[in-house]
Amino acid sequence: MRATVLVRPKQGILDPQAQAVENSLRQLGYAVHGARIGRVVDLELESDDPAGARVQLQEMCDRLLANPLIESYEIELHGGT
């Protein structure tokens, strides 16, 4: 089963990279605000159980993939039964 995890800073956490992108886009003439820069983690799991896979992914995020103090994450499962 394939999974995608999107990790990004929580609202209210300073995100200097996003601020730089937002400022550059404004200088180019785009009316934007609220930019957030995150990262995507794609994984192949050896599981056919979506509920069990989600539990494993949440554990992975809490233990390694995301810093729960300053980052939030979203999990998307692809395939499975």
N, C-alpha and C. Protein backbone atom coordinates (compact mmCIF):
# COMPACT_ATOMS: atom_id res chain seq x y z
N MET A 1 0.84 -1.17 0.00
CA MET A 1 0.00 0.00 0.00
C MET A 1 0.89 1.24 0.00
N ARG A 2 0.55 2.18 -0.84
CA ARG A 2 1.31 3.43 -0.89
C ARG A 2 0.68 4.46 0.03
N ALA A 3 1.52 5.31 0.58
CA ALA A 3 1.04 6.38 1.45
C ALA A 3 1.83 7.64 1.17
N THR A 4 1.15 8.77 1.32
CA THR A 4 1.78 10.08 1.21
C THR A 4 1.53 10.81 2.52
N VAL A 5 2.59 11.37 3.07
CA VAL A 5 2.49 12.15 4.29
C VAL A 5 2.94 13.57 3.97
N LEU A 6 2.09 14.54 4.27
CA LEU A 6 2.42 15.95 4.09
C LEU A 6 2.70 16.55 5.46
N VAL A 7 3.91 17.07 5.64
CA VAL A 7 4.31 17.65 6.91
C VAL A 7 4.55 19.14 6.67
N ARG A 8 3.99 19.98 7.54
CA ARG A 8 4.22 21.43 7.41
C ARG A 8 4.16 22.08 8.78
N PRO A 9 4.74 23.28 8.89
CA PRO A 9 4.70 23.97 10.19
C PRO A 9 3.26 24.27 10.61
N LYS A 10 3.01 24.17 11.91
CA LYS A 10 1.70 24.53 12.43
C LYS A 10 1.48 26.03 12.25
N GLN A 11 0.21 26.43 12.21
CA GLN A 11 -0.12 27.84 12.13
C GLN A 11 0.49 28.55 13.34
N GLY A 12 1.03 29.73 13.11
CA GLY A 12 1.63 30.50 14.19
C GLY A 12 3.11 30.24 14.40
N ILE A 13 3.64 29.21 13.75
CA ILE A 13 5.07 28.90 13.84
C ILE A 13 5.79 29.68 12.74
N LEU A 14 6.86 30.34 13.09
CA LEU A 14 7.63 31.10 12.12
C LEU A 14 8.11 30.19 10.99
N ASP A 15 7.87 30.63 9.75
CA ASP A 15 8.24 29.86 8.57
C ASP A 15 8.99 30.80 7.62
N PRO A 16 10.29 31.04 7.89
CA PRO A 16 11.03 32.02 7.09
C PRO A 16 11.12 31.67 5.61
N GLN A 17 11.19 30.40 5.27
CA GLN A 17 11.25 30.00 3.86
C GLN A 17 9.95 30.39 3.16
N ALA A 18 8.83 30.14 3.80
CA ALA A 18 7.54 30.50 3.21
C ALA A 18 7.41 32.01 3.09
N GLN A 19 7.91 32.74 4.08
CA GLN A 19 7.85 34.20 4.03
C GLN A 19 8.66 34.73 2.85
N ALA A 20 9.83 34.14 2.61
CA ALA A 20 10.66 34.56 1.48
C ALA A 20 9.95 34.28 0.15
N VAL A 21 9.31 33.12 0.03
CA VAL A 21 8.57 32.78 -1.19
C VAL A 21 7.40 33.75 -1.37
N GLU A 22 6.68 33.99 -0.30
CA GLU A 22 5.54 34.90 -0.37
C GLU A 22 5.97 36.30 -0.79
N ASN A 23 7.05 36.80 -0.20
CA ASN A 23 7.55 38.13 -0.56
C ASN A 23 7.99 38.18 -2.02
N SER A 24 8.65 37.14 -2.49
CA SER A 24 9.09 37.10 -3.89
C SER A 24 7.90 37.06 -4.84
N LEU A 25 6.88 36.30 -4.50
CA LEU A 25 5.69 36.24 -5.35
C LEU A 25 5.00 37.60 -5.41
N ARG A 26 4.95 38.29 -4.28
CA ARG A 26 4.37 39.64 -4.27
C ARG A 26 5.16 40.59 -5.15
N GLN A 27 6.49 40.48 -5.10
CA GLN A 27 7.33 41.34 -5.94
C GLN A 27 7.10 41.05 -7.42
N LEU A 28 6.70 39.84 -7.74
CA LEU A 28 6.39 39.47 -9.12
C LEU A 28 4.97 39.87 -9.52
N GLY A 29 4.24 40.44 -8.57
CA GLY A 29 2.91 40.95 -8.88
C GLY A 29 1.76 40.06 -8.50
N TYR A 30 2.01 38.98 -7.78
CA TYR A 30 0.94 38.08 -7.36
C TYR A 30 0.42 38.47 -5.99
N ALA A 31 -0.90 38.52 -5.86
CA ALA A 31 -1.53 38.83 -4.58
C ALA A 31 -1.69 37.53 -3.80
N VAL A 32 -0.74 37.23 -2.94
CA VAL A 32 -0.77 35.99 -2.16
C VAL A 32 -0.56 36.31 -0.68
N HIS A 33 -1.00 35.41 0.16
CA HIS A 33 -0.73 35.49 1.59
C HIS A 33 -0.89 34.10 2.20
N GLY A 34 -0.35 33.91 3.37
CA GLY A 34 -0.51 32.65 4.09
C GLY A 34 0.31 31.49 3.54
N ALA A 35 1.42 31.78 2.88
CA ALA A 35 2.25 30.70 2.33
C ALA A 35 2.83 29.84 3.46
N ARG A 36 2.87 28.55 3.23
CA ARG A 36 3.50 27.60 4.16
C ARG A 36 4.33 26.65 3.32
N ILE A 37 5.54 26.38 3.73
CA ILE A 37 6.41 25.44 3.04
C ILE A 37 6.48 24.16 3.86
N GLY A 38 6.23 23.04 3.21
CA GLY A 38 6.27 21.76 3.90
C GLY A 38 7.10 20.75 3.12
N ARG A 39 6.92 19.51 3.48
CA ARG A 39 7.63 18.45 2.77
C ARG A 39 6.68 17.26 2.60
N VAL A 40 6.95 16.50 1.54
CA VAL A 40 6.14 15.33 1.23
C VAL A 40 7.00 14.09 1.41
N VAL A 41 6.44 13.09 2.08
CA VAL A 41 7.11 11.81 2.25
C VAL A 41 6.21 10.75 1.63
N ASP A 42 6.72 10.08 0.59
CA ASP A 42 6.00 8.98 -0.04
C ASP A 42 6.59 7.66 0.46
N LEU A 43 5.72 6.74 0.86
CA LEU A 43 6.17 5.46 1.42
C LEU A 43 5.39 4.31 0.80
N GLU A 44 6.04 3.16 0.72
CA GLU A 44 5.39 1.90 0.38
C GLU A 44 5.31 1.09 1.67
N LEU A 45 4.11 0.71 2.06
CA LEU A 45 3.92 -0.08 3.28
C LEU A 45 3.56 -1.51 2.92
N GLU A 46 4.08 -2.44 3.68
CA GLU A 46 3.75 -3.85 3.48
C GLU A 46 2.52 -4.17 4.32
N SER A 47 1.38 -3.66 3.86
CA SER A 47 0.13 -3.86 4.58
C SER A 47 -1.03 -3.79 3.59
N ASP A 48 -2.06 -4.58 3.85
CA ASP A 48 -3.30 -4.52 3.08
C ASP A 48 -4.43 -3.99 3.95
N ASP A 49 -4.12 -3.57 5.17
CA ASP A 49 -5.10 -3.10 6.13
C ASP A 49 -4.99 -1.58 6.27
N PRO A 50 -5.91 -0.83 5.67
CA PRO A 50 -5.82 0.63 5.73
C PRO A 50 -5.83 1.18 7.16
N ALA A 51 -6.63 0.61 8.04
CA ALA A 51 -6.69 1.11 9.41
C ALA A 51 -5.37 0.87 10.13
N GLY A 52 -4.81 -0.32 9.96
CA GLY A 52 -3.52 -0.62 10.59
C GLY A 52 -2.39 0.21 10.00
N ALA A 53 -2.45 0.42 8.68
CA ALA A 53 -1.44 1.25 8.03
C ALA A 53 -1.49 2.68 8.55
N ARG A 54 -2.70 3.20 8.72
CA ARG A 54 -2.85 4.57 9.23
C ARG A 54 -2.27 4.68 10.65
N VAL A 55 -2.52 3.69 11.48
CA VAL A 55 -1.96 3.70 12.84
C VAL A 55 -0.44 3.71 12.78
N GLN A 56 0.12 2.86 11.93
CA GLN A 56 1.59 2.82 11.78
C GLN A 56 2.13 4.16 11.30
N LEU A 57 1.46 4.76 10.33
CA LEU A 57 1.91 6.05 9.80
C LEU A 57 1.83 7.15 10.85
N GLN A 58 0.78 7.13 11.66
CA GLN A 58 0.68 8.12 12.74
C GLN A 58 1.84 7.97 13.72
N GLU A 59 2.18 6.73 14.04
CA GLU A 59 3.32 6.47 14.93
C GLU A 59 4.62 6.96 14.29
N MET A 60 4.79 6.68 12.97
CA MET A 60 5.99 7.14 12.27
C MET A 60 6.10 8.65 12.31
N CYS A 61 4.99 9.32 12.10
CA CYS A 61 4.99 10.78 12.12
C CYS A 61 5.33 11.31 13.50
N ASP A 62 4.71 10.74 14.52
CA ASP A 62 4.94 11.21 15.88
C ASP A 62 6.36 10.92 16.36
N ARG A 63 6.96 9.84 15.87
CA ARG A 63 8.28 9.44 16.34
C ARG A 63 9.43 9.98 15.50
N LEU A 64 9.20 10.22 14.19
CA LEU A 64 10.32 10.59 13.33
C LEU A 64 10.01 11.62 12.25
N LEU A 65 8.92 11.43 11.53
CA LEU A 65 8.69 12.23 10.33
C LEU A 65 8.29 13.68 10.61
N ALA A 66 7.68 13.94 11.75
CA ALA A 66 7.24 15.30 12.09
C ALA A 66 7.61 15.61 13.54
N ASN A 67 7.85 16.86 13.79
CA ASN A 67 8.06 17.33 15.16
C ASN A 67 6.70 17.79 15.66
N PRO A 68 6.02 17.01 16.51
CA PRO A 68 4.65 17.34 16.89
C PRO A 68 4.50 18.66 17.64
N LEU A 69 5.58 19.21 18.14
CA LEU A 69 5.50 20.50 18.82
C LEU A 69 5.29 21.65 17.84
N ILE A 70 5.87 21.55 16.65
CA ILE A 70 5.82 22.67 15.71
C ILE A 70 5.28 22.31 14.33
N GLU A 71 5.01 21.03 14.08
CA GLU A 71 4.55 20.61 12.77
C GLU A 71 3.27 19.80 12.86
N SER A 72 2.46 19.93 11.83
CA SER A 72 1.27 19.08 11.68
C SER A 72 1.49 18.19 10.46
N TYR A 73 0.69 17.15 10.35
CA TYR A 73 0.85 16.26 9.21
C TYR A 73 -0.51 15.75 8.75
N GLU A 74 -0.56 15.42 7.47
CA GLU A 74 -1.74 14.81 6.87
C GLU A 74 -1.31 13.51 6.21
N ILE A 75 -2.12 12.47 6.36
CA ILE A 75 -1.81 11.15 5.79
C ILE A 75 -2.83 10.83 4.71
N GLU A 76 -2.33 10.38 3.58
CA GLU A 76 -3.20 9.93 2.50
C GLU A 76 -2.76 8.53 2.08
N LEU A 77 -3.70 7.60 2.08
CA LEU A 77 -3.43 6.23 1.68
C LEU A 77 -3.87 6.02 0.23
N HIS A 78 -3.10 5.25 -0.53
CA HIS A 78 -3.41 4.95 -1.92
C HIS A 78 -3.45 3.44 -2.07
N GLY A 79 -4.56 2.92 -2.47
CA GLY A 79 -4.68 1.47 -2.68
C GLY A 79 -5.16 0.77 -1.42
N GLY A 80 -5.04 -0.51 -1.41
CA GLY A 80 -5.49 -1.31 -0.27
C GLY A 80 -6.93 -1.76 -0.47
N THR A 81 -7.43 -2.50 0.50
CA THR A 81 -8.80 -3.00 0.38
C THR A 81 -9.72 -2.31 1.31
